Amino acid sequence: MQRRMCGRVILVSFFIAIFVSLSFGFLAATAQAAKTVRVLYPAGLDLEKGAFLAGWDLNLKDLKVEPVILRGQGSVARALASGKEHVGYLTFSVFARVVSKGAKLVALAVSEQNLVWGLVAKKNINSVQELKGKKVSVHAPAGISASIIDFYASKAGFKRNDFQMMYIRGGENRIAALLAGKVDGTVAALIDANVALNTGKYKVLSVFGQEAPDVVGPMLVATEKFVKENPDAAQKLVTAGVKGLRLAYDDPKRFAKAVKVRAPYSDEKLFWQGHRDFVKYQLWPKNGGDPLLKKLQKSLEWFGKNAAGEAKKMGYDKGFRITKEHVAPQFLEAALKEIGRK
């Protein structure tokens, strides 16, 4: 009798052990399936950031991306440099600035091959030279938009001070100032500029990405710690992101549907106008961007030659260079090996 009872106890214990093991396995699998990666953005979710978002939403199965909107580039840079956050978007100039000061960040892939900026002016103004002496707005005295206006001024044979400069934060606010007649021209993202262009009273004098193709647009970056501890997650983010870049070209309707889940557009005309610009200028890179190290080195050289003030802030005057330590190209290479090049 005791042997029988003992056997029953052992059998019951065996099944309990199996049940517990399966339960823990299920919970572990569920936890893994629910893993979330926070991605920091310096402003709202818009068409510029739409390609990677669409790729992530449509292609990530066991990884969830949680967009986190911060006030600006500086806020994103500080959060990443502190190690409290690990993945985000940064423009090249801000990325270079923080890594030159020791931040352990690496570039994973490019979401915009060139800067999606235009020099926009009233319709009766036909050249940069004709803006001389007139009111022109950029974001702030230092930064990428200021570097762009310096570049155009130098190309036209004068300096920024030859404009009546106004500093207005936010591209949409600069366009609003243009519409209100407060300025004669501005530097702004094309997606913002379309609001003014559609009135028929303004035009794009120049697309900066065509004038300076070496200057990379916003990049997906991560901390070295994240890449080291989460290589699978980094790989999935890059692979799915590149699929989103391609979707913008291959299936615009499906792409639009995915983007609008994250960044609703009430104006269909503006959405498709923006999409057309991105595709026309190939600002969404089908292969995730030119080789990272080469592209970032060229961008640094551009700032050194054309935007001395910004270059100095980036540490260029101290001999700073972009090196292999600042990029993690293995993820993009593996993604293109898996899905093929276009």
C-alpha atoms as a PDB file:
ATOM      1  CA  MET A   1       0.000   0.000   0.000  1.00  0.00           C
ATOM      2  CA  GLN A   2       2.798   2.366   0.915  1.00  0.00           C
ATOM      3  CA  ARG A   3       4.631   1.540  -2.330  1.00  0.00           C
ATOM      4  CA  ARG A   4       1.457   2.275  -4.306  1.00  0.00           C
ATOM      5  CA  MET A   5       0.994   5.600  -2.543  1.00  0.00           C
ATOM      6  CA  CYS A   6       4.628   6.447  -3.055  1.00  0.00           C
ATOM      7  CA  GLY A   7       4.305   5.668  -6.762  1.00  0.00           C
ATOM      8  CA  ARG A   8       1.250   7.882  -7.023  1.00  0.00           C
ATOM      9  CA  VAL A   9       3.062  10.729  -5.282  1.00  0.00           C
ATOM     10  CA  ILE A  10       6.027  10.376  -7.631  1.00  0.00           C
ATOM     11  CA  LEU A  11       3.727  10.273 -10.672  1.00  0.00           C
ATOM     12  CA  VAL A  12       1.777  13.321  -9.505  1.00  0.00           C
ATOM     13  CA  SER A  13       5.019  15.166  -8.739  1.00  0.00           C
ATOM     14  CA  PHE A  14       6.281  14.287 -12.210  1.00  0.00           C
ATOM     15  CA  PHE A  15       3.218  15.766 -13.907  1.00  0.00           C
ATOM     16  CA  ILE A  16       3.348  18.836 -11.682  1.00  0.00           C
ATOM     17  CA  ALA A  17       6.991  19.341 -12.639  1.00  0.00           C
ATOM     18  CA  ILE A  18       6.103  19.055 -16.321  1.00  0.00           C
ATOM     19  CA  PHE A  19       3.216  21.495 -15.886  1.00  0.00           C
ATOM     20  CA  VAL A  20       5.375  23.992 -14.025  1.00  0.00           C
ATOM     21  CA  SER A  21       8.137  23.647 -16.614  1.00  0.00           C
ATOM     22  CA  LEU A  22       5.718  24.194 -19.476  1.00  0.00           C
ATOM     23  CA  SER A  23       4.122  27.127 -17.680  1.00  0.00           C
ATOM     24  CA  PHE A  24       7.449  28.820 -17.120  1.00  0.00           C
ATOM     25  CA  GLY A  25       8.394  28.117 -20.710  1.00  0.00           C
ATOM     26  CA  PHE A  26       5.150  29.667 -21.896  1.00  0.00           C
ATOM     27  CA  LEU A  27       5.616  32.704 -19.663  1.00  0.00           C
ATOM     28  CA  ALA A  28       9.184  33.109 -20.831  1.00  0.00           C
ATOM     29  CA  ALA A  29       8.116  32.858 -24.458  1.00  0.00           C
ATOM     30  CA  THR A  30       5.315  35.355 -23.841  1.00  0.00           C
ATOM     31  CA  ALA A  31       7.713  37.757 -22.151  1.00  0.00           C
ATOM     32  CA  GLN A  32      10.117  37.409 -25.038  1.00  0.00           C
ATOM     33  CA  ALA A  33       7.322  37.917 -27.559  1.00  0.00           C
ATOM     34  CA  ALA A  34       6.250  41.072 -25.739  1.00  0.00           C
ATOM     35  CA  LYS A  35       9.701  42.646 -25.656  1.00  0.00           C
ATOM     36  CA  THR A  36       9.482  46.376 -26.281  1.00  0.00           C
ATOM     37  CA  VAL A  37      12.180  48.684 -27.604  1.00  0.00           C
ATOM     38  CA  ARG A  38      11.754  52.380 -26.921  1.00  0.00           C
ATOM     39  CA  VAL A  39      12.820  54.571 -29.846  1.00  0.00           C
ATOM     40  CA  LEU A  40      13.341  58.271 -29.136  1.00  0.00           C
ATOM     41  CA  TYR A  41      12.242  60.944 -31.585  1.00  0.00           C
ATOM     42  CA  PRO A  42      13.162  64.642 -31.469  1.00  0.00           C
ATOM     43  CA  ALA A  43       9.695  65.766 -32.616  1.00  0.00           C
ATOM     44  CA  GLY A  44       6.324  64.342 -33.588  1.00  0.00           C
ATOM     45  CA  LEU A  45       5.895  61.286 -35.786  1.00  0.00           C
ATOM     46  CA  ASP A  46       5.622  62.487 -39.359  1.00  0.00           C
ATOM     47  CA  LEU A  47       6.246  61.405 -42.924  1.00  0.00           C
ATOM     48  CA  GLU A  48      10.006  61.911 -42.581  1.00  0.00           C
ATOM     49  CA  LYS A  49      10.097  59.178 -39.946  1.00  0.00           C
ATOM     50  CA  GLY A  50       7.381  57.083 -41.551  1.00  0.00           C
ATOM     51  CA  ALA A  51       9.411  54.537 -43.503  1.00  0.00           C
ATOM     52  CA  PHE A  52      11.052  52.816 -40.552  1.00  0.00           C
ATOM     53  CA  LEU A  53       7.833  52.965 -38.543  1.00  0.00           C
ATOM     54  CA  ALA A  54       5.909  51.295 -41.355  1.00  0.00           C
ATOM     55  CA  GLY A  55       8.583  48.630 -41.668  1.00  0.00           C
ATOM     56  CA  TRP A  56       8.570  47.938 -37.948  1.00  0.00           C
ATOM     57  CA  ASP A  57       4.798  47.749 -37.630  1.00  0.00           C
ATOM     58  CA  LEU A  58       4.415  45.441 -40.606  1.00  0.00           C
ATOM     59  CA  ASN A  59       7.420  43.164 -40.150  1.00  0.00           C
ATOM     60  CA  LEU A  60       8.306  42.837 -36.466  1.00  0.00           C
ATOM     61  CA  LYS A  61       6.646  39.789 -34.946  1.00  0.00           C
ATOM     62  CA  ASP A  62       8.294  39.340 -31.545  1.00  0.00           C
ATOM     63  CA  LEU A  63       9.502  42.878 -30.981  1.00  0.00           C
ATOM     64  CA  LYS A  64       7.407  45.960 -30.354  1.00  0.00           C
ATOM     65  CA  VAL A  65       8.576  49.509 -30.979  1.00  0.00           C
ATOM     66  CA  GLU A  66       7.356  52.189 -28.603  1.00  0.00           C
ATOM     67  CA  PRO A  67       7.946  55.680 -30.052  1.00  0.00           C
ATOM     68  CA  VAL A  68       8.916  58.219 -27.404  1.00  0.00           C
ATOM     69  CA  ILE A  69       8.590  61.861 -28.412  1.00  0.00           C
ATOM     70  CA  LEU A  70      11.017  64.302 -26.831  1.00  0.00           C
ATOM     71  CA  ARG A  71      11.287  68.055 -27.251  1.00  0.00           C
ATOM     72  CA  GLY A  72      14.239  68.226 -29.610  1.00  0.00           C
ATOM     73  CA  GLN A  73      17.518  66.790 -30.854  1.00  0.00           C
ATOM     74  CA  GLY A  74      19.311  67.867 -27.696  1.00  0.00           C
ATOM     75  CA  SER A  75      16.873  65.992 -25.478  1.00  0.00           C
ATOM     76  CA  VAL A  76      17.315  62.798 -27.499  1.00  0.00           C
ATOM     77  CA  ALA A  77      21.100  63.152 -27.496  1.00  0.00           C
ATOM     78  CA  ARG A  78      21.255  63.694 -23.733  1.00  0.00           C
ATOM     79  CA  ALA A  79      18.982  60.718 -23.016  1.00  0.00           C
ATOM     80  CA  LEU A  80      21.094  58.414 -25.182  1.00  0.00           C
ATOM     81  CA  ALA A  81      24.432  59.751 -23.960  1.00  0.00           C
ATOM     82  CA  SER A  82      23.344  59.239 -20.343  1.00  0.00           C
ATOM     83  CA  GLY A  83      22.654  55.562 -20.976  1.00  0.00           C
ATOM     84  CA  LYS A  84      19.103  55.864 -19.637  1.00  0.00           C
ATOM     85  CA  GLU A  85      17.731  55.271 -23.158  1.00  0.00           C
ATOM     86  CA  HIS A  86      19.278  53.200 -25.908  1.00  0.00           C
ATOM     87  CA  VAL A  87      17.754  53.748 -29.369  1.00  0.00           C
ATOM     88  CA  GLY A  88      16.726  56.918 -31.176  1.00  0.00           C
ATOM     89  CA  TYR A  89      16.962  59.252 -34.150  1.00  0.00           C
ATOM     90  CA  LEU A  90      19.643  61.921 -34.468  1.00  0.00           C
ATOM     91  CA  THR A  91      20.772  64.218 -37.235  1.00  0.00           C
ATOM     92  CA  PHE A  92      24.391  63.734 -38.194  1.00  0.00           C
ATOM     93  CA  SER A  93      25.584  67.041 -36.737  1.00  0.00           C
ATOM     94  CA  VAL A  94      24.140  66.265 -33.286  1.00  0.00           C
ATOM     95  CA  PHE A  95      25.383  62.664 -33.422  1.00  0.00           C
ATOM     96  CA  ALA A  96      28.893  63.841 -34.278  1.00  0.00           C
ATOM     97  CA  ARG A  97      28.772  66.462 -31.546  1.00  0.00           C
ATOM     98  CA  VAL A  98      27.951  64.001 -28.766  1.00  0.00           C
ATOM     99  CA  VAL A  99      30.274  61.184 -29.864  1.00  0.00           C
ATOM    100  CA  SER A 100      33.137  63.667 -30.236  1.00  0.00           C
ATOM    101  CA  LYS A 101      32.638  64.385 -26.544  1.00  0.00           C
ATOM    102  CA  GLY A 102      32.745  60.709 -25.588  1.00  0.00           C
ATOM    103  CA  ALA A 103      29.173  59.431 -25.891  1.00  0.00           C
ATOM    104  CA  LYS A 104      29.168  55.690 -26.632  1.00  0.00           C
ATOM    105  CA  LEU A 105      26.763  55.735 -29.591  1.00  0.00           C
ATOM    106  CA  VAL A 106      26.845  54.007 -32.970  1.00  0.00           C
ATOM    107  CA  ALA A 107      24.939  54.593 -36.199  1.00  0.00           C
ATOM    108  CA  LEU A 108      22.865  51.597 -37.342  1.00  0.00           C
ATOM    109  CA  ALA A 109      21.267  52.800 -40.568  1.00  0.00           C
ATOM    110  CA  VAL A 110      20.088  55.913 -42.392  1.00  0.00           C
ATOM    111  CA  SER A 111      16.390  56.746 -42.565  1.00  0.00           C
ATOM    112  CA  GLU A 112      16.938  59.696 -44.911  1.00  0.00           C
ATOM    113  CA  GLN A 113      19.807  59.544 -47.375  1.00  0.00           C
ATOM    114  CA  ASN A 114      19.968  63.341 -47.698  1.00  0.00           C
ATOM    115  CA  LEU A 115      18.504  66.185 -45.716  1.00  0.00           C
ATOM    116  CA  VAL A 116      14.896  66.820 -46.746  1.00  0.00           C
ATOM    117  CA  TRP A 117      15.273  70.598 -46.657  1.00  0.00           C
ATOM    118  CA  GLY A 118      14.502  73.367 -49.083  1.00  0.00           C
ATOM    119  CA  LEU A 119      15.228  77.075 -49.361  1.00  0.00           C
ATOM    120  CA  VAL A 120      11.724  78.494 -49.745  1.00  0.00           C
ATOM    121  CA  ALA A 121      10.845  82.054 -50.738  1.00  0.00           C
ATOM    122  CA  LYS A 122       8.084  84.283 -52.035  1.00  0.00           C
ATOM    123  CA  LYS A 123       7.188  83.602 -55.634  1.00  0.00           C
ATOM    124  CA  ASN A 124       8.593  86.909 -56.906  1.00  0.00           C
ATOM    125  CA  ILE A 125      12.056  85.988 -55.581  1.00  0.00           C
ATOM    126  CA  ASN A 126      14.026  83.947 -58.093  1.00  0.00           C
ATOM    127  CA  SER A 127      17.446  83.425 -56.507  1.00  0.00           C
ATOM    128  CA  VAL A 128      19.420  83.482 -53.271  1.00  0.00           C
ATOM    129  CA  GLN A 129      20.965  86.770 -54.422  1.00  0.00           C
ATOM    130  CA  GLU A 130      17.495  88.340 -54.483  1.00  0.00           C
ATOM    131  CA  LEU A 131      17.029  87.439 -50.814  1.00  0.00           C
ATOM    132  CA  LYS A 132      19.937  89.684 -49.863  1.00  0.00           C
ATOM    133  CA  GLY A 133      18.731  92.373 -47.472  1.00  0.00           C
ATOM    134  CA  LYS A 134      15.397  90.604 -46.966  1.00  0.00           C
ATOM    135  CA  LYS A 135      13.971  88.768 -43.939  1.00  0.00           C
ATOM    136  CA  VAL A 136      15.109  85.138 -43.765  1.00  0.00           C
ATOM    137  CA  SER A 137      14.387  82.705 -40.929  1.00  0.00           C
ATOM    138  CA  VAL A 138      16.174  79.652 -39.585  1.00  0.00           C
ATOM    139  CA  HIS A 139      15.770  77.601 -36.411  1.00  0.00           C
ATOM    140  CA  ALA A 140      18.499  79.208 -34.281  1.00  0.00           C
ATOM    141  CA  PRO A 141      21.870  80.990 -34.621  1.00  0.00           C
ATOM    142  CA  ALA A 142      23.591  77.571 -34.575  1.00  0.00           C
ATOM    143  CA  GLY A 143      22.428  74.247 -35.938  1.00  0.00           C
ATOM    144  CA  ILE A 144      21.742  72.596 -39.248  1.00  0.00           C
ATOM    145  CA  SER A 145      19.321  75.201 -40.660  1.00  0.00           C
ATOM    146  CA  ALA A 146      21.798  77.967 -39.798  1.00  0.00           C
ATOM    147  CA  SER A 147      24.555  75.955 -41.496  1.00  0.00           C
ATOM    148  CA  ILE A 148      22.376  75.604 -44.570  1.00  0.00           C
ATOM    149  CA  ILE A 149      21.692  79.335 -44.848  1.00  0.00           C
ATOM    150  CA  ASP A 150      25.419  80.011 -44.371  1.00  0.00           C
ATOM    151  CA  PHE A 151      26.137  77.590 -47.211  1.00  0.00           C
ATOM    152  CA  TYR A 152      23.700  79.305 -49.578  1.00  0.00           C
ATOM    153  CA  ALA A 153      24.929  82.772 -48.614  1.00  0.00           C
ATOM    154  CA  SER A 154      28.547  81.782 -49.225  1.00  0.00           C
ATOM    155  CA  LYS A 155      27.648  80.239 -52.557  1.00  0.00           C
ATOM    156  CA  ALA A 156      25.975  83.507 -53.573  1.00  0.00           C
ATOM    157  CA  GLY A 157      29.019  85.521 -52.541  1.00  0.00           C
ATOM    158  CA  PHE A 158      27.895  87.071 -49.250  1.00  0.00           C
ATOM    159  CA  LYS A 159      27.335  86.243 -45.567  1.00  0.00           C
ATOM    160  CA  ARG A 160      24.438  85.413 -43.298  1.00  0.00           C
ATOM    161  CA  ASN A 161      24.433  88.933 -41.889  1.00  0.00           C
ATOM    162  CA  ASP A 162      23.521  90.223 -45.357  1.00  0.00           C
ATOM    163  CA  PHE A 163      20.051  88.800 -44.688  1.00  0.00           C
ATOM    164  CA  GLN A 164      17.722  90.263 -42.082  1.00  0.00           C
ATOM    165  CA  MET A 165      17.914  87.146 -39.927  1.00  0.00           C
ATOM    166  CA  MET A 166      15.012  85.932 -37.815  1.00  0.00           C
ATOM    167  CA  TYR A 167      15.296  82.867 -35.567  1.00  0.00           C
ATOM    168  CA  ILE A 168      12.112  80.829 -35.312  1.00  0.00           C
ATOM    169  CA  ARG A 169      12.149  77.353 -33.778  1.00  0.00           C
ATOM    170  CA  GLY A 170      10.298  74.638 -35.674  1.00  0.00           C
ATOM    171  CA  GLY A 171       9.942  74.285 -39.440  1.00  0.00           C
ATOM    172  CA  GLU A 172       6.166  74.475 -39.267  1.00  0.00           C
ATOM    173  CA  ASN A 173       6.456  77.759 -37.338  1.00  0.00           C
ATOM    174  CA  ARG A 174       8.829  79.210 -39.932  1.00  0.00           C
ATOM    175  CA  ILE A 175       6.375  78.309 -42.674  1.00  0.00           C
ATOM    176  CA  ALA A 176       3.594  79.938 -40.649  1.00  0.00           C
ATOM    177  CA  ALA A 177       5.735  83.095 -40.460  1.00  0.00           C
ATOM    178  CA  LEU A 178       6.197  82.945 -44.231  1.00  0.00           C
ATOM    179  CA  LEU A 179       2.438  82.635 -44.759  1.00  0.00           C
ATOM    180  CA  ALA A 180       1.826  85.528 -42.362  1.00  0.00           C
ATOM    181  CA  GLY A 181       4.192  87.768 -44.334  1.00  0.00           C
ATOM    182  CA  LYS A 182       6.687  88.081 -41.477  1.00  0.00           C
ATOM    183  CA  VAL A 183       9.578  86.705 -43.539  1.00  0.00           C
ATOM    184  CA  ASP A 184      10.503  86.609 -47.220  1.00  0.00           C
ATOM    185  CA  GLY A 185      12.276  83.266 -47.169  1.00  0.00           C
ATOM    186  CA  THR A 186      13.172  80.375 -44.907  1.00  0.00           C
ATOM    187  CA  VAL A 187      14.952  77.054 -44.627  1.00  0.00           C
ATOM    188  CA  ALA A 188      12.553  74.238 -43.810  1.00  0.00           C
ATOM    189  CA  ALA A 189      11.814  70.599 -44.424  1.00  0.00           C
ATOM    190  CA  LEU A 190       9.987  70.066 -47.711  1.00  0.00           C
ATOM    191  CA  ILE A 191       7.165  68.319 -45.885  1.00  0.00           C
ATOM    192  CA  ASP A 192       6.540  71.571 -43.958  1.00  0.00           C
ATOM    193  CA  ALA A 193       7.146  73.772 -46.988  1.00  0.00           C
ATOM    194  CA  ASN A 194       4.340  72.096 -48.947  1.00  0.00           C
ATOM    195  CA  VAL A 195       1.791  73.967 -46.838  1.00  0.00           C
ATOM    196  CA  ALA A 196       3.088  77.249 -48.283  1.00  0.00           C
ATOM    197  CA  LEU A 197       3.750  75.908 -51.784  1.00  0.00           C
ATOM    198  CA  ASN A 198       0.132  74.905 -52.186  1.00  0.00           C
ATOM    199  CA  THR A 199      -0.963  78.534 -51.873  1.00  0.00           C
ATOM    200  CA  GLY A 200       0.821  79.323 -55.134  1.00  0.00           C
ATOM    201  CA  LYS A 201       2.576  82.283 -53.512  1.00  0.00           C
ATOM    202  CA  TYR A 202       5.850  80.539 -52.661  1.00  0.00           C
ATOM    203  CA  LYS A 203       8.382  78.283 -54.314  1.00  0.00           C
ATOM    204  CA  VAL A 204      11.439  76.196 -53.543  1.00  0.00           C
ATOM    205  CA  LEU A 205      14.565  78.001 -54.719  1.00  0.00           C
ATOM    206  CA  SER A 206      16.786  75.024 -53.997  1.00  0.00           C
ATOM    207  CA  VAL A 207      16.621  71.509 -52.531  1.00  0.00           C
ATOM    208  CA  PHE A 208      19.524  71.220 -50.136  1.00  0.00           C
ATOM    209  CA  GLY A 209      19.881  67.449 -50.549  1.00  0.00           C
ATOM    210  CA  GLN A 210      20.743  68.008 -54.202  1.00  0.00           C
ATOM    211  CA  GLU A 211      23.195  70.803 -53.450  1.00  0.00           C
ATOM    212  CA  ALA A 212      24.967  68.856 -50.703  1.00  0.00           C
ATOM    213  CA  PRO A 213      24.404  65.129 -51.281  1.00  0.00           C
ATOM    214  CA  ASP A 214      27.188  64.216 -48.855  1.00  0.00           C
ATOM    215  CA  VAL A 215      25.241  65.479 -45.833  1.00  0.00           C
ATOM    216  CA  VAL A 216      23.327  62.548 -44.409  1.00  0.00           C
ATOM    217  CA  GLY A 217      19.820  62.942 -43.041  1.00  0.00           C
ATOM    218  CA  PRO A 218      18.487  61.565 -39.742  1.00  0.00           C
ATOM    219  CA  MET A 219      19.960  58.247 -38.653  1.00  0.00           C
ATOM    220  CA  LEU A 220      18.838  55.409 -36.423  1.00  0.00           C
ATOM    221  CA  VAL A 221      21.418  55.234 -33.648  1.00  0.00           C
ATOM    222  CA  ALA A 222      21.888  53.110 -30.541  1.00  0.00           C
ATOM    223  CA  THR A 223      24.136  52.909 -27.537  1.00  0.00           C
ATOM    224  CA  GLU A 224      27.084  50.540 -27.695  1.00  0.00           C
ATOM    225  CA  LYS A 225      25.583  48.798 -24.662  1.00  0.00           C
ATOM    226  CA  PHE A 226      22.313  48.076 -26.472  1.00  0.00           C
ATOM    227  CA  VAL A 227      24.092  46.703 -29.532  1.00  0.00           C
ATOM    228  CA  LYS A 228      26.335  44.490 -27.412  1.00  0.00           C
ATOM    229  CA  GLU A 229      23.544  43.138 -25.207  1.00  0.00           C
ATOM    230  CA  ASN A 230      20.739  42.995 -27.799  1.00  0.00           C
ATOM    231  CA  PRO A 231      22.251  42.129 -31.194  1.00  0.00           C
ATOM    232  CA  ASP A 232      19.135  40.217 -32.258  1.00  0.00           C
ATOM    233  CA  ALA A 233      16.884  43.196 -31.507  1.00  0.00           C
ATOM    234  CA  ALA A 234      19.253  45.568 -33.325  1.00  0.00           C
ATOM    235  CA  GLN A 235      19.233  43.251 -36.336  1.00  0.00           C
ATOM    236  CA  LYS A 236      15.454  43.042 -36.400  1.00  0.00           C
ATOM    237  CA  LEU A 237      15.087  46.824 -36.187  1.00  0.00           C
ATOM    238  CA  VAL A 238      17.427  47.389 -39.119  1.00  0.00           C
ATOM    239  CA  THR A 239      16.044  44.596 -41.328  1.00  0.00           C
ATOM    240  CA  ALA A 240      12.418  45.594 -40.785  1.00  0.00           C
ATOM    241  CA  GLY A 241      13.326  49.271 -41.206  1.00  0.00           C
ATOM    242  CA  VAL A 242      14.899  48.667 -44.624  1.00  0.00           C
ATOM    243  CA  LYS A 243      11.784  46.755 -45.657  1.00  0.00           C
ATOM    244  CA  GLY A 244       9.804  49.863 -44.753  1.00  0.00           C
ATOM    245  CA  LEU A 245      12.086  52.046 -46.877  1.00  0.00           C
ATOM    246  CA  ARG A 246      11.418  49.814 -49.865  1.00  0.00           C
ATOM    247  CA  LEU A 247       7.699  49.651 -49.233  1.00  0.00           C
ATOM    248  CA  ALA A 248       7.505  53.427 -49.757  1.00  0.00           C
ATOM    249  CA  TYR A 249       8.535  52.812 -53.376  1.00  0.00           C
ATOM    250  CA  ASP A 250       7.039  49.386 -54.068  1.00  0.00           C
ATOM    251  CA  ASP A 251       3.573  49.694 -52.537  1.00  0.00           C
ATOM    252  CA  PRO A 252       2.730  53.338 -51.721  1.00  0.00           C
ATOM    253  CA  LYS A 253      -0.865  52.579 -50.712  1.00  0.00           C
ATOM    254  CA  ARG A 254       0.118  49.927 -48.171  1.00  0.00           C
ATOM    255  CA  PHE A 255       2.895  52.195 -46.976  1.00  0.00           C
ATOM    256  CA  ALA A 256       0.482  55.107 -46.520  1.00  0.00           C
ATOM    257  CA  LYS A 257      -1.945  52.970 -44.552  1.00  0.00           C
ATOM    258  CA  ALA A 258       0.806  51.856 -42.174  1.00  0.00           C
ATOM    259  CA  VAL A 259       2.233  55.358 -41.687  1.00  0.00           C
ATOM    260  CA  LYS A 260      -1.152  56.900 -40.957  1.00  0.00           C
ATOM    261  CA  VAL A 261      -1.618  54.538 -38.017  1.00  0.00           C
ATOM    262  CA  ARG A 262       1.324  56.245 -36.322  1.00  0.00           C
ATOM    263  CA  ALA A 263       1.198  59.730 -37.831  1.00  0.00           C
ATOM    264  CA  PRO A 264      -2.348  60.558 -38.954  1.00  0.00           C
ATOM    265  CA  TYR A 265      -2.586  62.933 -41.911  1.00  0.00           C
ATOM    266  CA  SER A 266      -5.873  64.757 -42.327  1.00  0.00           C
ATOM    267  CA  ASP A 267      -4.779  66.299 -45.634  1.00  0.00           C
ATOM    268  CA  GLU A 268      -4.387  63.639 -48.322  1.00  0.00           C
ATOM    269  CA  LYS A 269      -2.921  66.091 -50.801  1.00  0.00           C
ATOM    270  CA  LEU A 270      -0.093  67.077 -48.451  1.00  0.00           C
ATOM    271  CA  PHE A 271       0.643  63.452 -47.623  1.00  0.00           C
ATOM    272  CA  TRP A 272       1.027  62.391 -51.243  1.00  0.00           C
ATOM    273  CA  GLN A 273       2.892  65.571 -52.132  1.00  0.00           C
ATOM    274  CA  GLY A 274       5.376  64.771 -49.392  1.00  0.00           C
ATOM    275  CA  HIS A 275       5.620  61.142 -50.490  1.00  0.00           C
ATOM    276  CA  ARG A 276       6.308  62.245 -54.064  1.00  0.00           C
ATOM    277  CA  ASP A 277       9.153  64.498 -52.905  1.00  0.00           C
ATOM    278  CA  PHE A 278      10.761  61.722 -50.892  1.00  0.00           C
ATOM    279  CA  VAL A 279      10.629  59.290 -53.799  1.00  0.00           C
ATOM    280  CA  LYS A 280      11.638  61.892 -56.405  1.00  0.00           C
ATOM    281  CA  TYR A 281      14.797  62.869 -54.535  1.00  0.00           C
ATOM    282  CA  GLN A 282      15.385  59.290 -53.310  1.00  0.00           C
ATOM    283  CA  LEU A 283      15.548  60.538 -49.762  1.00  0.00           C
ATOM    284  CA  TRP A 284      14.401  57.190 -48.436  1.00  0.00           C
ATOM    285  CA  PRO A 285      17.387  54.957 -49.277  1.00  0.00           C
ATOM    286  CA  LYS A 286      16.274  51.581 -50.612  1.00  0.00           C
ATOM    287  CA  ASN A 287      19.344  49.859 -49.185  1.00  0.00           C
ATOM    288  CA  GLY A 288      19.394  51.652 -45.858  1.00  0.00           C
ATOM    289  CA  GLY A 289      21.893  54.281 -46.945  1.00  0.00           C
ATOM    290  CA  ASP A 290      25.371  54.432 -48.435  1.00  0.00           C
ATOM    291  CA  PRO A 291      28.116  52.561 -46.544  1.00  0.00           C
ATOM    292  CA  LEU A 292      27.844  54.136 -43.115  1.00  0.00           C
ATOM    293  CA  LEU A 293      31.468  54.924 -42.375  1.00  0.00           C
ATOM    294  CA  LYS A 294      32.090  56.479 -45.789  1.00  0.00           C
ATOM    295  CA  LYS A 295      28.868  58.507 -45.702  1.00  0.00           C
ATOM    296  CA  LEU A 296      29.473  59.887 -42.219  1.00  0.00           C
ATOM    297  CA  GLN A 297      33.066  60.788 -43.023  1.00  0.00           C
ATOM    298  CA  LYS A 298      31.866  62.758 -46.057  1.00  0.00           C
ATOM    299  CA  SER A 299      29.251  64.528 -43.949  1.00  0.00           C
ATOM    300  CA  LEU A 300      31.894  65.536 -41.439  1.00  0.00           C
ATOM    301  CA  GLU A 301      34.088  66.877 -44.231  1.00  0.00           C
ATOM    302  CA  TRP A 302      31.162  68.933 -45.573  1.00  0.00           C
ATOM    303  CA  PHE A 303      30.631  70.618 -42.206  1.00  0.00           C
ATOM    304  CA  GLY A 304      34.341  71.333 -41.920  1.00  0.00           C
ATOM    305  CA  LYS A 305      34.388  73.075 -45.294  1.00  0.00           C
ATOM    306  CA  ASN A 306      30.992  74.758 -45.292  1.00  0.00           C
ATOM    307  CA  ALA A 307      29.804  75.268 -41.727  1.00  0.00           C
ATOM    308  CA  ALA A 308      32.748  76.199 -39.533  1.00  0.00           C
ATOM    309  CA  GLY A 309      30.600  77.168 -36.536  1.00  0.00           C
ATOM    310  CA  GLU A 310      28.766  73.858 -36.470  1.00  0.00           C
ATOM    311  CA  ALA A 311      31.964  71.937 -37.150  1.00  0.00           C
ATOM    312  CA  LYS A 312      33.608  73.572 -34.155  1.00  0.00           C
ATOM    313  CA  LYS A 313      30.728  72.512 -31.903  1.00  0.00           C
ATOM    314  CA  MET A 314      31.122  68.984 -33.226  1.00  0.00           C
ATOM    315  CA  GLY A 315      34.763  68.939 -32.161  1.00  0.00           C
ATOM    316  CA  TYR A 316      36.070  69.115 -35.716  1.00  0.00           C
ATOM    317  CA  ASP A 317      38.588  71.777 -34.738  1.00  0.00           C
ATOM    318  CA  LYS A 318      40.157  69.296 -32.288  1.00  0.00           C
ATOM    319  CA  GLY A 319      40.916  66.794 -35.001  1.00  0.00           C
ATOM    320  CA  PHE A 320      37.789  64.701 -34.478  1.00  0.00           C
ATOM    321  CA  ARG A 321      37.147  62.033 -37.115  1.00  0.00           C
ATOM    322  CA  ILE A 322      34.401  59.527 -37.732  1.00  0.00           C
ATOM    323  CA  THR A 323      35.877  56.061 -37.250  1.00  0.00           C
ATOM    324  CA  LYS A 324      34.777  52.432 -37.094  1.00  0.00           C
ATOM    325  CA  GLU A 325      33.932  52.977 -33.431  1.00  0.00           C
ATOM    326  CA  HIS A 326      31.020  55.203 -34.456  1.00  0.00           C
ATOM    327  CA  VAL A 327      29.213  52.782 -36.751  1.00  0.00           C
ATOM    328  CA  ALA A 328      27.747  49.281 -36.529  1.00  0.00           C
ATOM    329  CA  PRO A 329      27.443  48.325 -40.229  1.00  0.00           C
ATOM    330  CA  GLN A 330      27.098  44.589 -39.602  1.00  0.00           C
ATOM    331  CA  PHE A 331      23.343  44.838 -39.103  1.00  0.00           C
ATOM    332  CA  LEU A 332      22.716  46.617 -42.393  1.00  0.00           C
ATOM    333  CA  GLU A 333      25.016  44.201 -44.200  1.00  0.00           C
ATOM    334  CA  ALA A 334      23.159  41.217 -42.756  1.00  0.00           C
ATOM    335  CA  ALA A 335      19.787  42.765 -43.618  1.00  0.00           C
ATOM    336  CA  LEU A 336      20.772  43.277 -47.254  1.00  0.00           C
ATOM    337  CA  LYS A 337      22.154  39.752 -47.425  1.00  0.00           C
ATOM    338  CA  GLU A 338      18.794  38.439 -46.201  1.00  0.00           C
ATOM    339  CA  ILE A 339      16.444  40.530 -48.323  1.00  0.00           C
ATOM    340  CA  GLY A 340      18.736  41.340 -51.260  1.00  0.00           C
ATOM    341  CA  ARG A 341      19.892  44.645 -52.674  1.00  0.00           C
ATOM    342  CA  LYS A 342      17.909  46.926 -54.968  1.00  0.00           C
END
